[in-house]
Amino acid sequence: MCPNLMSLTLSGCGHISDQEVICVLQSCSRLRSLRLENCVRVTDLTLQALVVHGAGLHQVTVDFCRNVTQAGLETVRERRPDIRLTAERSAGMIPDSEPDKRAQLPLRRRLMQKVLMFS
């Protein structure tokens, strides 16, 4: 990937999911600024990955990402107070669909295993 990438903006990228953002965070250790706008497939898993893999991040913007929750934003603020985090209308939006927690658990577990494997 791009190890020297310092800033990334993804806007209106409906095809970008947590897995791709996590891959960027793992591969781009010099990333200082991440801006996600209207990325509907981005969820709290991306926010969890910011805490684990975003050591160099100073600024993160998550605007209009409807599947990001207030709890996810608070986790980043608690665990990484050094990151300037803004989230305009993300947590307050209605998610695309109510995720079935039983169906999401295996996917989340697999993704978190991958996250932990590379940390």
PDB file of N, CA and C in Angstrom:
ATOM      1  N   MET A   1       0.840  -1.179   0.000  1.00  0.00           N
ATOM      2  CA  MET A   1       0.000   0.000   0.000  1.00  0.00           C
ATOM      3  C   MET A   1       0.888   1.246   0.000  1.00  0.00           C
ATOM      4  N   CYS A   2       0.477   2.319   0.591  1.00  0.00           N
ATOM      5  CA  CYS A   2       1.208   3.589   0.571  1.00  0.00           C
ATOM      6  C   CYS A   2       1.737   3.911   1.970  1.00  0.00           C
ATOM      7  N   PRO A   3       2.910   3.448   2.319  1.00  0.00           N
ATOM      8  CA  PRO A   3       3.405   3.651   3.683  1.00  0.00           C
ATOM      9  C   PRO A   3       3.671   5.116   4.028  1.00  0.00           C
ATOM     10  N   ASN A   4       3.841   5.974   3.035  1.00  0.00           N
ATOM     11  CA  ASN A   4       4.126   7.389   3.295  1.00  0.00           C
ATOM     12  C   ASN A   4       2.887   8.280   3.247  1.00  0.00           C
ATOM     13  N   LEU A   5       1.729   7.690   3.062  1.00  0.00           N
ATOM     14  CA  LEU A   5       0.485   8.447   3.009  1.00  0.00           C
ATOM     15  C   LEU A   5       0.253   9.152   4.349  1.00  0.00           C
ATOM     16  N   MET A   6      -0.005  10.458   4.303  1.00  0.00           N
ATOM     17  CA  MET A   6      -0.192  11.226   5.534  1.00  0.00           C
ATOM     18  C   MET A   6      -1.627  11.704   5.722  1.00  0.00           C
ATOM     19  N   SER A   7      -2.379  11.824   4.643  1.00  0.00           N
ATOM     20  CA  SER A   7      -3.746  12.317   4.740  1.00  0.00           C
ATOM     21  C   SER A   7      -4.612  11.565   3.733  1.00  0.00           C
ATOM     22  N   LEU A   8      -5.820  11.208   4.172  1.00  0.00           N
ATOM     23  CA  LEU A   8      -6.724  10.478   3.290  1.00  0.00           C
ATOM     24  C   LEU A   8      -8.146  10.976   3.521  1.00  0.00           C
ATOM     25  N   THR A   9      -8.829  11.299   2.426  1.00  0.00           N
ATOM     26  CA  THR A   9     -10.241  11.666   2.457  1.00  0.00           C
ATOM     27  C   THR A   9     -11.001  10.695   1.574  1.00  0.00           C
ATOM     28  N   LEU A  10     -12.028  10.079   2.149  1.00  0.00           N
ATOM     29  CA  LEU A  10     -12.930   9.213   1.402  1.00  0.00           C
ATOM     30  C   LEU A  10     -14.315   9.815   1.533  1.00  0.00           C
ATOM     31  N   SER A  11     -14.890  10.259   0.433  1.00  0.00           N
ATOM     32  CA  SER A  11     -16.178  10.939   0.468  1.00  0.00           C
ATOM     33  C   SER A  11     -17.163  10.259  -0.475  1.00  0.00           C
ATOM     34  N   GLY A  12     -18.304   9.870   0.071  1.00  0.00           N
ATOM     35  CA  GLY A  12     -19.342   9.245  -0.737  1.00  0.00           C
ATOM     36  C   GLY A  12     -18.947   7.884  -1.262  1.00  0.00           C
ATOM     37  N   CYS A  13     -18.112   7.198  -0.546  1.00  0.00           N
ATOM     38  CA  CYS A  13     -17.619   5.889  -0.987  1.00  0.00           C
ATOM     39  C   CYS A  13     -18.480   4.788  -0.376  1.00  0.00           C
ATOM     40  N   GLY A  14     -19.599   4.509  -1.007  1.00  0.00           N
ATOM     41  CA  GLY A  14     -20.524   3.498  -0.507  1.00  0.00           C
ATOM     42  C   GLY A  14     -19.982   2.084  -0.547  1.00  0.00           C
ATOM     43  N   HIS A  15     -18.939   1.857  -1.314  1.00  0.00           N
ATOM     44  CA  HIS A  15     -18.365   0.525  -1.427  1.00  0.00           C
ATOM     45  C   HIS A  15     -17.239   0.286  -0.423  1.00  0.00           C
ATOM     46  N   ILE A  16     -16.773   1.314   0.266  1.00  0.00           N
ATOM     47  CA  ILE A  16     -15.698   1.180   1.242  1.00  0.00           C
ATOM     48  C   ILE A  16     -16.278   0.698   2.569  1.00  0.00           C
ATOM     49  N   SER A  17     -15.722  -0.380   3.092  1.00  0.00           N
ATOM     50  CA  SER A  17     -16.215  -0.938   4.357  1.00  0.00           C
ATOM     51  C   SER A  17     -15.129  -0.853   5.430  1.00  0.00           C
ATOM     52  N   ASP A  18     -15.468  -1.322   6.611  1.00  0.00           N
ATOM     53  CA  ASP A  18     -14.520  -1.341   7.724  1.00  0.00           C
ATOM     54  C   ASP A  18     -13.228  -2.054   7.347  1.00  0.00           C
ATOM     55  N   GLN A  19     -13.363  -3.152   6.657  1.00  0.00           N
ATOM     56  CA  GLN A  19     -12.191  -3.964   6.322  1.00  0.00           C
ATOM     57  C   GLN A  19     -11.164  -3.169   5.516  1.00  0.00           C
ATOM     58  N   GLU A  20     -11.602  -2.387   4.566  1.00  0.00           N
ATOM     59  CA  GLU A  20     -10.675  -1.601   3.756  1.00  0.00           C
ATOM     60  C   GLU A  20     -10.028  -0.480   4.573  1.00  0.00           C
ATOM     61  N   VAL A  21     -10.811   0.174   5.418  1.00  0.00           N
ATOM     62  CA  VAL A  21     -10.251   1.243   6.247  1.00  0.00           C
ATOM     63  C   VAL A  21      -9.241   0.665   7.245  1.00  0.00           C
ATOM     64  N   ILE A  22      -9.566  -0.482   7.813  1.00  0.00           N
ATOM     65  CA  ILE A  22      -8.633  -1.135   8.744  1.00  0.00           C
ATOM     66  C   ILE A  22      -7.339  -1.492   8.034  1.00  0.00           C
ATOM     67  N   CYS A  23      -7.433  -1.966   6.806  1.00  0.00           N
ATOM     68  CA  CYS A  23      -6.239  -2.289   6.012  1.00  0.00           C
ATOM     69  C   CYS A  23      -5.375  -1.047   5.812  1.00  0.00           C
ATOM     70  N   VAL A  24      -5.996   0.081   5.520  1.00  0.00           N
ATOM     71  CA  VAL A  24      -5.255   1.336   5.355  1.00  0.00           C
ATOM     72  C   VAL A  24      -4.563   1.703   6.665  1.00  0.00           C
ATOM     73  N   LEU A  25      -5.290   1.610   7.777  1.00  0.00           N
ATOM     74  CA  LEU A  25      -4.701   1.951   9.077  1.00  0.00           C
ATOM     75  C   LEU A  25      -3.514   1.064   9.416  1.00  0.00           C
ATOM     76  N   GLN A  26      -3.605  -0.200   9.073  1.00  0.00           N
ATOM     77  CA  GLN A  26      -2.519  -1.141   9.343  1.00  0.00           C
ATOM     78  C   GLN A  26      -1.310  -0.891   8.449  1.00  0.00           C
ATOM     79  N   SER A  27      -1.555  -0.463   7.225  1.00  0.00           N
ATOM     80  CA  SER A  27      -0.478  -0.329   6.242  1.00  0.00           C
ATOM     81  C   SER A  27       0.166   1.050   6.193  1.00  0.00           C
ATOM     82  N   CYS A  28      -0.532   2.064   6.650  1.00  0.00           N
ATOM     83  CA  CYS A  28      -0.068   3.445   6.500  1.00  0.00           C
ATOM     84  C   CYS A  28       0.237   4.046   7.872  1.00  0.00           C
ATOM     85  N   SER A  29       1.382   3.705   8.405  1.00  0.00           N
ATOM     86  CA  SER A  29       1.724   4.116   9.769  1.00  0.00           C
ATOM     87  C   SER A  29       1.986   5.609   9.894  1.00  0.00           C
ATOM     88  N   ARG A  30       2.207   6.300   8.788  1.00  0.00           N
ATOM     89  CA  ARG A  30       2.444   7.751   8.833  1.00  0.00           C
ATOM     90  C   ARG A  30       1.175   8.574   8.650  1.00  0.00           C
ATOM     91  N   LEU A  31       0.041   7.900   8.561  1.00  0.00           N
ATOM     92  CA  LEU A  31      -1.228   8.593   8.372  1.00  0.00           C
ATOM     93  C   LEU A  31      -1.514   9.494   9.568  1.00  0.00           C
ATOM     94  N   ARG A  32      -1.725  10.784   9.300  1.00  0.00           N
ATOM     95  CA  ARG A  32      -1.970  11.771  10.354  1.00  0.00           C
ATOM     96  C   ARG A  32      -3.404  12.264  10.360  1.00  0.00           C
ATOM     97  N   SER A  33      -4.049  12.244   9.184  1.00  0.00           N
ATOM     98  CA  SER A  33      -5.403  12.775   9.061  1.00  0.00           C
ATOM     99  C   SER A  33      -6.260  11.817   8.236  1.00  0.00           C
ATOM    100  N   LEU A  34      -7.413  11.461   8.789  1.00  0.00           N
ATOM    101  CA  LEU A  34      -8.352  10.584   8.096  1.00  0.00           C
ATOM    102  C   LEU A  34      -9.719  11.251   8.109  1.00  0.00           C
ATOM    103  N   ARG A  35     -10.280  11.409   6.930  1.00  0.00           N
ATOM    104  CA  ARG A  35     -11.595  12.051   6.792  1.00  0.00           C
ATOM    105  C   ARG A  35     -12.514  11.091   6.047  1.00  0.00           C
ATOM    106  N   LEU A  36     -13.572  10.664   6.726  1.00  0.00           N
ATOM    107  CA  LEU A  36     -14.571   9.779   6.148  1.00  0.00           C
ATOM    108  C   LEU A  36     -15.884  10.540   6.076  1.00  0.00           C
ATOM    109  N   GLU A  37     -16.413  10.700   4.875  1.00  0.00           N
ATOM    110  CA  GLU A  37     -17.650  11.451   4.676  1.00  0.00           C
ATOM    111  C   GLU A  37     -18.644  10.599   3.898  1.00  0.00           C
ATOM    112  N   ASN A  38     -19.806  10.391   4.487  1.00  0.00           N
ATOM    113  CA  ASN A  38     -20.869   9.650   3.829  1.00  0.00           C
ATOM    114  C   ASN A  38     -20.406   8.275   3.352  1.00  0.00           C
ATOM    115  N   CYS A  39     -19.668   7.604   4.190  1.00  0.00           N
ATOM    116  CA  CYS A  39     -19.224   6.228   3.923  1.00  0.00           C
ATOM    117  C   CYS A  39     -20.153   5.307   4.708  1.00  0.00           C
ATOM    118  N   VAL A  40     -21.218   4.866   4.073  1.00  0.00           N
ATOM    119  CA  VAL A  40     -22.307   4.194   4.769  1.00  0.00           C
ATOM    120  C   VAL A  40     -21.948   2.808   5.300  1.00  0.00           C
ATOM    121  N   ARG A  41     -20.895   2.201   4.803  1.00  0.00           N
ATOM    122  CA  ARG A  41     -20.514   0.864   5.279  1.00  0.00           C
ATOM    123  C   ARG A  41     -19.467   0.916   6.382  1.00  0.00           C
ATOM    124  N   VAL A  42     -19.070   2.107   6.782  1.00  0.00           N
ATOM    125  CA  VAL A  42     -18.136   2.276   7.887  1.00  0.00           C
ATOM    126  C   VAL A  42     -18.924   2.241   9.195  1.00  0.00           C
ATOM    127  N   THR A  43     -18.436   1.438  10.157  1.00  0.00           N
ATOM    128  CA  THR A  43     -19.129   1.263  11.432  1.00  0.00           C
ATOM    129  C   THR A  43     -18.166   1.504  12.591  1.00  0.00           C
ATOM    130  N   ASP A  44     -18.595   1.123  13.776  1.00  0.00           N
ATOM    131  CA  ASP A  44     -17.768   1.253  14.970  1.00  0.00           C
ATOM    132  C   ASP A  44     -16.504   0.396  14.916  1.00  0.00           C
ATOM    133  N   LEU A  45     -16.486  -0.614  14.058  1.00  0.00           N
ATOM    134  CA  LEU A  45     -15.266  -1.419  13.906  1.00  0.00           C
ATOM    135  C   LEU A  45     -14.111  -0.554  13.413  1.00  0.00           C
ATOM    136  N   THR A  46     -14.403   0.371  12.537  1.00  0.00           N
ATOM    137  CA  THR A  46     -13.370   1.302  12.083  1.00  0.00           C
ATOM    138  C   THR A  46     -12.889   2.158  13.242  1.00  0.00           C
ATOM    139  N   LEU A  47     -13.803   2.614  14.081  1.00  0.00           N
ATOM    140  CA  LEU A  47     -13.412   3.426  15.228  1.00  0.00           C
ATOM    141  C   LEU A  47     -12.546   2.629  16.202  1.00  0.00           C
ATOM    142  N   GLN A  48     -12.876   1.359  16.398  1.00  0.00           N
ATOM    143  CA  GLN A  48     -12.051   0.505  17.252  1.00  0.00           C
ATOM    144  C   GLN A  48     -10.655   0.352  16.662  1.00  0.00           C
ATOM    145  N   ALA A  49     -10.580   0.239  15.356  1.00  0.00           N
ATOM    146  CA  ALA A  49      -9.284   0.106  14.695  1.00  0.00           C
ATOM    147  C   ALA A  49      -8.462   1.389  14.802  1.00  0.00           C
ATOM    148  N   LEU A  50      -9.127   2.545  14.853  1.00  0.00           N
ATOM    149  CA  LEU A  50      -8.397   3.805  15.053  1.00  0.00           C
ATOM    150  C   LEU A  50      -7.616   3.767  16.356  1.00  0.00           C
ATOM    151  N   VAL A  51      -8.233   3.220  17.375  1.00  0.00           N
ATOM    152  CA  VAL A  51      -7.593   3.127  18.683  1.00  0.00           C
ATOM    153  C   VAL A  51      -6.386   2.196  18.624  1.00  0.00           C
ATOM    154  N   VAL A  52      -6.541   1.076  17.956  1.00  0.00           N
ATOM    155  CA  VAL A  52      -5.488   0.052  17.917  1.00  0.00           C
ATOM    156  C   VAL A  52      -4.382   0.390  16.922  1.00  0.00           C
ATOM    157  N   HIS A  53      -4.748   0.836  15.730  1.00  0.00           N
ATOM    158  CA  HIS A  53      -3.768   0.990  14.643  1.00  0.00           C
ATOM    159  C   HIS A  53      -3.462   2.434  14.261  1.00  0.00           C
ATOM    160  N   GLY A  54      -4.161   3.386  14.821  1.00  0.00           N
ATOM    161  CA  GLY A  54      -3.981   4.772  14.406  1.00  0.00           C
ATOM    162  C   GLY A  54      -3.031   5.553  15.278  1.00  0.00           C
ATOM    163  N   ALA A  55      -1.879   4.986  15.571  1.00  0.00           N
ATOM    164  CA  ALA A  55      -0.928   5.626  16.493  1.00  0.00           C
ATOM    165  C   ALA A  55      -0.497   7.012  16.029  1.00  0.00           C
ATOM    166  N   GLY A  56      -0.386   7.219  14.730  1.00  0.00           N
ATOM    167  CA  GLY A  56       0.074   8.500  14.208  1.00  0.00           C
ATOM    168  C   GLY A  56      -1.027   9.505  13.928  1.00  0.00           C
ATOM    169  N   LEU A  57      -2.278   9.085  14.078  1.00  0.00           N
ATOM    170  CA  LEU A  57      -3.396   9.972  13.740  1.00  0.00           C
ATOM    171  C   LEU A  57      -3.510  11.135  14.715  1.00  0.00           C
ATOM    172  N   HIS A  58      -3.712  12.321  14.154  1.00  0.00           N
ATOM    173  CA  HIS A  58      -3.949  13.522  14.948  1.00  0.00           C
ATOM    174  C   HIS A  58      -5.366  14.037  14.756  1.00  0.00           C
ATOM    175  N   GLN A  59      -5.922  13.788  13.562  1.00  0.00           N
ATOM    176  CA  GLN A  59      -7.249  14.306  13.241  1.00  0.00           C
ATOM    177  C   GLN A  59      -8.055  13.246  12.507  1.00  0.00           C
ATOM    178  N   VAL A  60      -9.282  13.028  12.984  1.00  0.00           N
ATOM    179  CA  VAL A  60     -10.201  12.089  12.339  1.00  0.00           C
ATOM    180  C   VAL A  60     -11.560  12.767  12.233  1.00  0.00           C
ATOM    181  N   THR A  61     -12.106  12.721  11.033  1.00  0.00           N
ATOM    182  CA  THR A  61     -13.438  13.267  10.781  1.00  0.00           C
ATOM    183  C   THR A  61     -14.311  12.142  10.249  1.00  0.00           C
ATOM    184  N   VAL A  62     -15.459  11.961  10.871  1.00  0.00           N
ATOM    185  CA  VAL A  62     -16.417  10.934  10.463  1.00  0.00           C
ATOM    186  C   VAL A  62     -17.757  11.643  10.287  1.00  0.00           C
ATOM    187  N   ASP A  63     -17.985  12.198   9.114  1.00  0.00           N
ATOM    188  CA  ASP A  63     -19.200  12.972   8.857  1.00  0.00           C
ATOM    189  C   ASP A  63     -20.197  12.175   8.021  1.00  0.00           C
ATOM    190  N   PHE A  64     -21.439  12.183   8.462  1.00  0.00           N
ATOM    191  CA  PHE A  64     -22.547  11.558   7.737  1.00  0.00           C
ATOM    192  C   PHE A  64     -22.330  10.066   7.493  1.00  0.00           C
ATOM    193  N   CYS A  65     -21.616   9.412   8.390  1.00  0.00           N
ATOM    194  CA  CYS A  65     -21.438   7.955   8.330  1.00  0.00           C
ATOM    195  C   CYS A  65     -22.495   7.345   9.244  1.00  0.00           C
ATOM    196  N   ARG A  66     -23.609   6.992   8.678  1.00  0.00           N
ATOM    197  CA  ARG A  66     -24.810   6.662   9.435  1.00  0.00           C
ATOM    198  C   ARG A  66     -24.712   5.399  10.278  1.00  0.00           C
ATOM    199  N   ASN A  67     -23.736   4.557  10.067  1.00  0.00           N
ATOM    200  CA  ASN A  67     -23.614   3.328  10.844  1.00  0.00           C
ATOM    201  C   ASN A  67     -22.559   3.424  11.940  1.00  0.00           C
ATOM    202  N   VAL A  68     -22.145   4.637  12.248  1.00  0.00           N
ATOM    203  CA  VAL A  68     -21.259   4.914  13.378  1.00  0.00           C
ATOM    204  C   VAL A  68     -22.153   5.348  14.538  1.00  0.00           C
ATOM    205  N   THR A  69     -21.872   4.821  15.737  1.00  0.00           N
ATOM    206  CA  THR A  69     -22.723   5.133  16.886  1.00  0.00           C
ATOM    207  C   THR A  69     -22.033   6.092  17.853  1.00  0.00           C
ATOM    208  N   GLN A  70     -22.834   6.666  18.724  1.00  0.00           N
ATOM    209  CA  GLN A  70     -22.298   7.547  19.764  1.00  0.00           C
ATOM    210  C   GLN A  70     -21.347   6.773  20.678  1.00  0.00           C
ATOM    211  N   ALA A  71     -21.676   5.530  20.977  1.00  0.00           N
ATOM    212  CA  ALA A  71     -20.817   4.701  21.830  1.00  0.00           C
ATOM    213  C   ALA A  71     -19.442   4.498  21.186  1.00  0.00           C
ATOM    214  N   GLY A  72     -19.415   4.287  19.889  1.00  0.00           N
ATOM    215  CA  GLY A  72     -18.146   4.134  19.182  1.00  0.00           C
ATOM    216  C   GLY A  72     -17.313   5.397  19.231  1.00  0.00           C
ATOM    217  N   LEU A  73     -17.957   6.535  19.059  1.00  0.00           N
ATOM    218  CA  LEU A  73     -17.252   7.821  19.122  1.00  0.00           C
ATOM    219  C   LEU A  73     -16.692   8.064  20.524  1.00  0.00           C
ATOM    220  N   GLU A  74     -17.478   7.735  21.542  1.00  0.00           N
ATOM    221  CA  GLU A  74     -17.022   7.923  22.923  1.00  0.00           C
ATOM    222  C   GLU A  74     -15.823   7.028  23.241  1.00  0.00           C
ATOM    223  N   THR A  75     -15.810   5.836  22.689  1.00  0.00           N
ATOM    224  CA  THR A  75     -14.672   4.936  22.905  1.00  0.00           C
ATOM    225  C   THR A  75     -13.384   5.560  22.389  1.00  0.00           C
ATOM    226  N   VAL A  76     -13.440   6.146  21.202  1.00  0.00           N
ATOM    227  CA  VAL A  76     -12.247   6.802  20.648  1.00  0.00           C
ATOM    228  C   VAL A  76     -11.843   7.982  21.530  1.00  0.00           C
ATOM    229  N   ARG A  77     -12.805   8.770  21.938  1.00  0.00           N
ATOM    230  CA  ARG A  77     -12.502   9.941  22.775  1.00  0.00           C
ATOM    231  C   ARG A  77     -11.891   9.544  24.115  1.00  0.00           C
ATOM    232  N   GLU A  78     -12.341   8.437  24.686  1.00  0.00           N
ATOM    233  CA  GLU A  78     -11.819   7.974  25.968  1.00  0.00           C
ATOM    234  C   GLU A  78     -10.417   7.381  25.833  1.00  0.00           C
ATOM    235  N   ARG A  79     -10.244   6.546  24.826  1.00  0.00           N
ATOM    236  CA  ARG A  79      -8.979   5.814  24.688  1.00  0.00           C
ATOM    237  C   ARG A  79      -7.900   6.576  23.947  1.00  0.00           C
ATOM    238  N   ARG A  80      -8.301   7.539  23.119  1.00  0.00           N
ATOM    239  CA  ARG A  80      -7.341   8.333  22.344  1.00  0.00           C
ATOM    240  C   ARG A  80      -7.699   9.814  22.417  1.00  0.00           C
ATOM    241  N   PRO A  81      -7.562  10.410  23.598  1.00  0.00           N
ATOM    242  CA  PRO A  81      -7.928  11.826  23.734  1.00  0.00           C
ATOM    243  C   PRO A  81      -7.042  12.752  22.901  1.00  0.00           C
ATOM    244  N   ASP A  82      -5.906  12.261  22.431  1.00  0.00           N
ATOM    245  CA  ASP A  82      -5.005  13.065  21.606  1.00  0.00           C
ATOM    246  C   ASP A  82      -5.512  13.254  20.174  1.00  0.00           C
ATOM    247  N   ILE A  83      -6.460  12.440  19.749  1.00  0.00           N
ATOM    248  CA  ILE A  83      -7.025  12.575  18.402  1.00  0.00           C
ATOM    249  C   ILE A  83      -8.122  13.630  18.427  1.00  0.00           C
ATOM    250  N   ARG A  84      -8.039  14.575  17.509  1.00  0.00           N
ATOM    251  CA  ARG A  84      -9.113  15.555  17.336  1.00  0.00           C
ATOM    252  C   ARG A  84     -10.182  14.892  16.471  1.00  0.00           C
ATOM    253  N   LEU A  85     -11.253  14.468  17.121  1.00  0.00           N
ATOM    254  CA  LEU A  85     -12.315  13.700  16.476  1.00  0.00           C
ATOM    255  C   LEU A  85     -13.548  14.573  16.287  1.00  0.00           C
ATOM    256  N   THR A  86     -14.003  14.663  15.045  1.00  0.00           N
ATOM    257  CA  THR A  86     -15.265  15.338  14.763  1.00  0.00           C
ATOM    258  C   THR A  86     -16.171  14.368  14.023  1.00  0.00           C
ATOM    259  N   ALA A  87     -17.455  14.474  14.324  1.00  0.00           N
ATOM    260  CA  ALA A  87     -18.416  13.553  13.713  1.00  0.00           C
ATOM    261  C   ALA A  87     -19.735  14.271  13.507  1.00  0.00           C
ATOM    262  N   GLU A  88     -19.814  15.003  12.443  1.00  0.00           N
ATOM    263  CA  GLU A  88     -21.042  15.744  12.158  1.00  0.00           C
ATOM    264  C   GLU A  88     -22.128  14.806  11.655  1.00  0.00           C
ATOM    265  N   ARG A  89     -23.177  14.703  12.426  1.00  0.00           N
ATOM    266  CA  ARG A  89     -24.375  13.948  12.073  1.00  0.00           C
ATOM    267  C   ARG A  89     -24.166  12.465  11.855  1.00  0.00           C
ATOM    268  N   SER A  90     -23.086  11.899  12.324  1.00  0.00           N
ATOM    269  CA  SER A  90     -22.899  10.461  12.135  1.00  0.00           C
ATOM    270  C   SER A  90     -23.724   9.660  13.127  1.00  0.00           C
ATOM    271  N   ALA A  91     -23.495   9.859  14.396  1.00  0.00           N
ATOM    272  CA  ALA A  91     -24.155   9.034  15.412  1.00  0.00           C
ATOM    273  C   ALA A  91     -25.650   9.312  15.508  1.00  0.00           C
ATOM    274  N   GLY A  92     -26.091  10.477  15.075  1.00  0.00           N
ATOM    275  CA  GLY A  92     -27.492  10.826  15.189  1.00  0.00           C
ATOM    276  C   GLY A  92     -28.357  10.352  14.036  1.00  0.00           C
ATOM    277  N   MET A  93     -27.742   9.794  13.020  1.00  0.00           N
ATOM    278  CA  MET A  93     -28.499   9.366  11.848  1.00  0.00           C
ATOM    279  C   MET A  93     -29.097   7.978  12.077  1.00  0.00           C
ATOM    280  N   ILE A  94     -30.143   7.681  11.363  1.00  0.00           N
ATOM    281  CA  ILE A  94     -30.739   6.348  11.429  1.00  0.00           C
ATOM    282  C   ILE A  94     -29.877   5.419  10.589  1.00  0.00           C
ATOM    283  N   PRO A  95     -29.443   4.280  11.163  1.00  0.00           N
ATOM    284  CA  PRO A  95     -28.615   3.345  10.388  1.00  0.00           C
ATOM    285  C   PRO A  95     -29.364   2.830   9.158  1.00  0.00           C
ATOM    286  N   ASP A  96     -28.617   2.354   8.181  1.00  0.00           N
ATOM    287  CA  ASP A  96     -29.233   1.816   6.968  1.00  0.00           C
ATOM    288  C   ASP A  96     -30.218   0.708   7.297  1.00  0.00           C
ATOM    289  N   SER A  97     -29.811  -0.193   8.177  1.00  0.00           N
ATOM    290  CA  SER A  97     -30.693  -1.268   8.621  1.00  0.00           C
ATOM    291  C   SER A  97     -30.243  -1.688  10.009  1.00  0.00           C
ATOM    292  N   GLU A  98     -31.197  -2.138  10.787  1.00  0.00           N
ATOM    293  CA  GLU A  98     -30.837  -2.615  12.115  1.00  0.00           C
ATOM    294  C   GLU A  98     -30.051  -3.909  11.953  1.00  0.00           C
ATOM    295  N   PRO A  99     -28.769  -3.904  12.358  1.00  0.00           N
ATOM    296  CA  PRO A  99     -27.990  -5.123  12.199  1.00  0.00           C
ATOM    297  C   PRO A  99     -28.472  -6.206  13.147  1.00  0.00           C
ATOM    298  N   ASP A 100     -28.571  -7.410  12.636  1.00  0.00           N
ATOM    299  CA  ASP A 100     -28.901  -8.565  13.464  1.00  0.00           C
ATOM    300  C   ASP A 100     -27.636  -8.944  14.217  1.00  0.00           C
ATOM    301  N   LYS A 101     -27.633  -8.756  15.509  1.00  0.00           N
ATOM    302  CA  LYS A 101     -26.422  -8.962  16.306  1.00  0.00           C
ATOM    303  C   LYS A 101     -25.901 -10.380  16.174  1.00  0.00           C
ATOM    304  N   ARG A 102     -26.798 -11.352  16.067  1.00  0.00           N
ATOM    305  CA  ARG A 102     -26.333 -12.731  15.919  1.00  0.00           C
ATOM    306  C   ARG A 102     -25.610 -12.931  14.588  1.00  0.00           C
ATOM    307  N   ALA A 103     -26.076 -12.285  13.543  1.00  0.00           N
ATOM    308  CA  ALA A 103     -25.441 -12.417  12.227  1.00  0.00           C
ATOM    309  C   ALA A 103     -24.133 -11.642  12.173  1.00  0.00           C
ATOM    310  N   GLN A 104     -24.051 -10.526  12.893  1.00  0.00           N
ATOM    311  CA  GLN A 104     -22.851  -9.691  12.864  1.00  0.00           C
ATOM    312  C   GLN A 104     -21.721 -10.245  13.723  1.00  0.00           C
ATOM    313  N   LEU A 105     -22.044 -11.008  14.752  1.00  0.00           N
ATOM    314  CA  LEU A 105     -21.026 -11.467  15.689  1.00  0.00           C
ATOM    315  C   LEU A 105     -19.881 -12.222  15.026  1.00  0.00           C
ATOM    316  N   PRO A 106     -20.141 -13.211  14.170  1.00  0.00           N
ATOM    317  CA  PRO A 106     -19.007 -13.903  13.543  1.00  0.00           C
ATOM    318  C   PRO A 106     -18.140 -12.968  12.702  1.00  0.00           C
ATOM    319  N   LEU A 107     -18.756 -12.054  11.963  1.00  0.00           N
ATOM    320  CA  LEU A 107     -17.995 -11.108  11.150  1.00  0.00           C
ATOM    321  C   LEU A 107     -17.149 -10.220  12.053  1.00  0.00           C
ATOM    322  N   ARG A 108     -17.756  -9.679  13.094  1.00  0.00           N
ATOM    323  CA  ARG A 108     -17.012  -8.830  14.022  1.00  0.00           C
ATOM    324  C   ARG A 108     -15.870  -9.596  14.664  1.00  0.00           C
ATOM    325  N   ARG A 109     -16.150 -10.804  15.072  1.00  0.00           N
ATOM    326  CA  ARG A 109     -15.111 -11.619  15.715  1.00  0.00           C
ATOM    327  C   ARG A 109     -13.951 -11.841  14.737  1.00  0.00           C
ATOM    328  N   ARG A 110     -14.270 -12.165  13.486  1.00  0.00           N
ATOM    329  CA  ARG A 110     -13.212 -12.389  12.486  1.00  0.00           C
ATOM    330  C   ARG A 110     -12.408 -11.122  12.257  1.00  0.00           C
ATOM    331  N   LEU A 111     -13.090  -9.989  12.108  1.00  0.00           N
ATOM    332  CA  LEU A 111     -12.383  -8.734  11.872  1.00  0.00           C
ATOM    333  C   LEU A 111     -11.517  -8.354  13.064  1.00  0.00           C
ATOM    334  N   MET A 112     -12.051  -8.526  14.266  1.00  0.00           N
ATOM    335  CA  MET A 112     -11.262  -8.178  15.447  1.00  0.00           C
ATOM    336  C   MET A 112     -10.069  -9.117  15.600  1.00  0.00           C
ATOM    337  N   GLN A 113     -10.224 -10.383  15.225  1.00  0.00           N
ATOM    338  CA  GLN A 113      -9.092 -11.298  15.252  1.00  0.00           C
ATOM    339  C   GLN A 113      -8.012 -10.818  14.302  1.00  0.00           C
ATOM    340  N   LYS A 114      -8.411 -10.348  13.127  1.00  0.00           N
ATOM    341  CA  LYS A 114      -7.445  -9.818  12.178  1.00  0.00           C
ATOM    342  C   LYS A 114      -6.793  -8.560  12.727  1.00  0.00           C
ATOM    343  N   VAL A 115      -7.587  -7.697  13.352  1.00  0.00           N
ATOM    344  CA  VAL A 115      -7.050  -6.469  13.938  1.00  0.00           C
ATOM    345  C   VAL A 115      -6.025  -6.821  15.003  1.00  0.00           C
ATOM    346  N   LEU A 116      -6.372  -7.757  15.890  1.00  0.00           N
ATOM    347  CA  LEU A 116      -5.470  -8.127  16.960  1.00  0.00           C
ATOM    348  C   LEU A 116      -4.248  -8.859  16.451  1.00  0.00           C
ATOM    349  N   MET A 117      -4.398  -9.592  15.361  1.00  0.00           N
ATOM    350  CA  MET A 117      -3.296 -10.336  14.800  1.00  0.00           C
ATOM    351  C   MET A 117      -2.182  -9.401  14.308  1.00  0.00           C
ATOM    352  N   PHE A 118      -2.557  -8.234  13.820  1.00  0.00           N
ATOM    353  CA  PHE A 118      -1.582  -7.294  13.260  1.00  0.00           C
ATOM    354  C   PHE A 118      -1.139  -6.249  14.258  1.00  0.00           C
ATOM    355  N   SER A 119      -1.646  -6.305  15.469  1.00  0.00           N
ATOM    356  CA  SER A 119      -1.247  -5.284  16.451  1.00  0.00           C
ATOM    357  C   SER A 119      -0.050  -5.736  17.252  1.00  0.00           C
TER     358      SER A 119
END
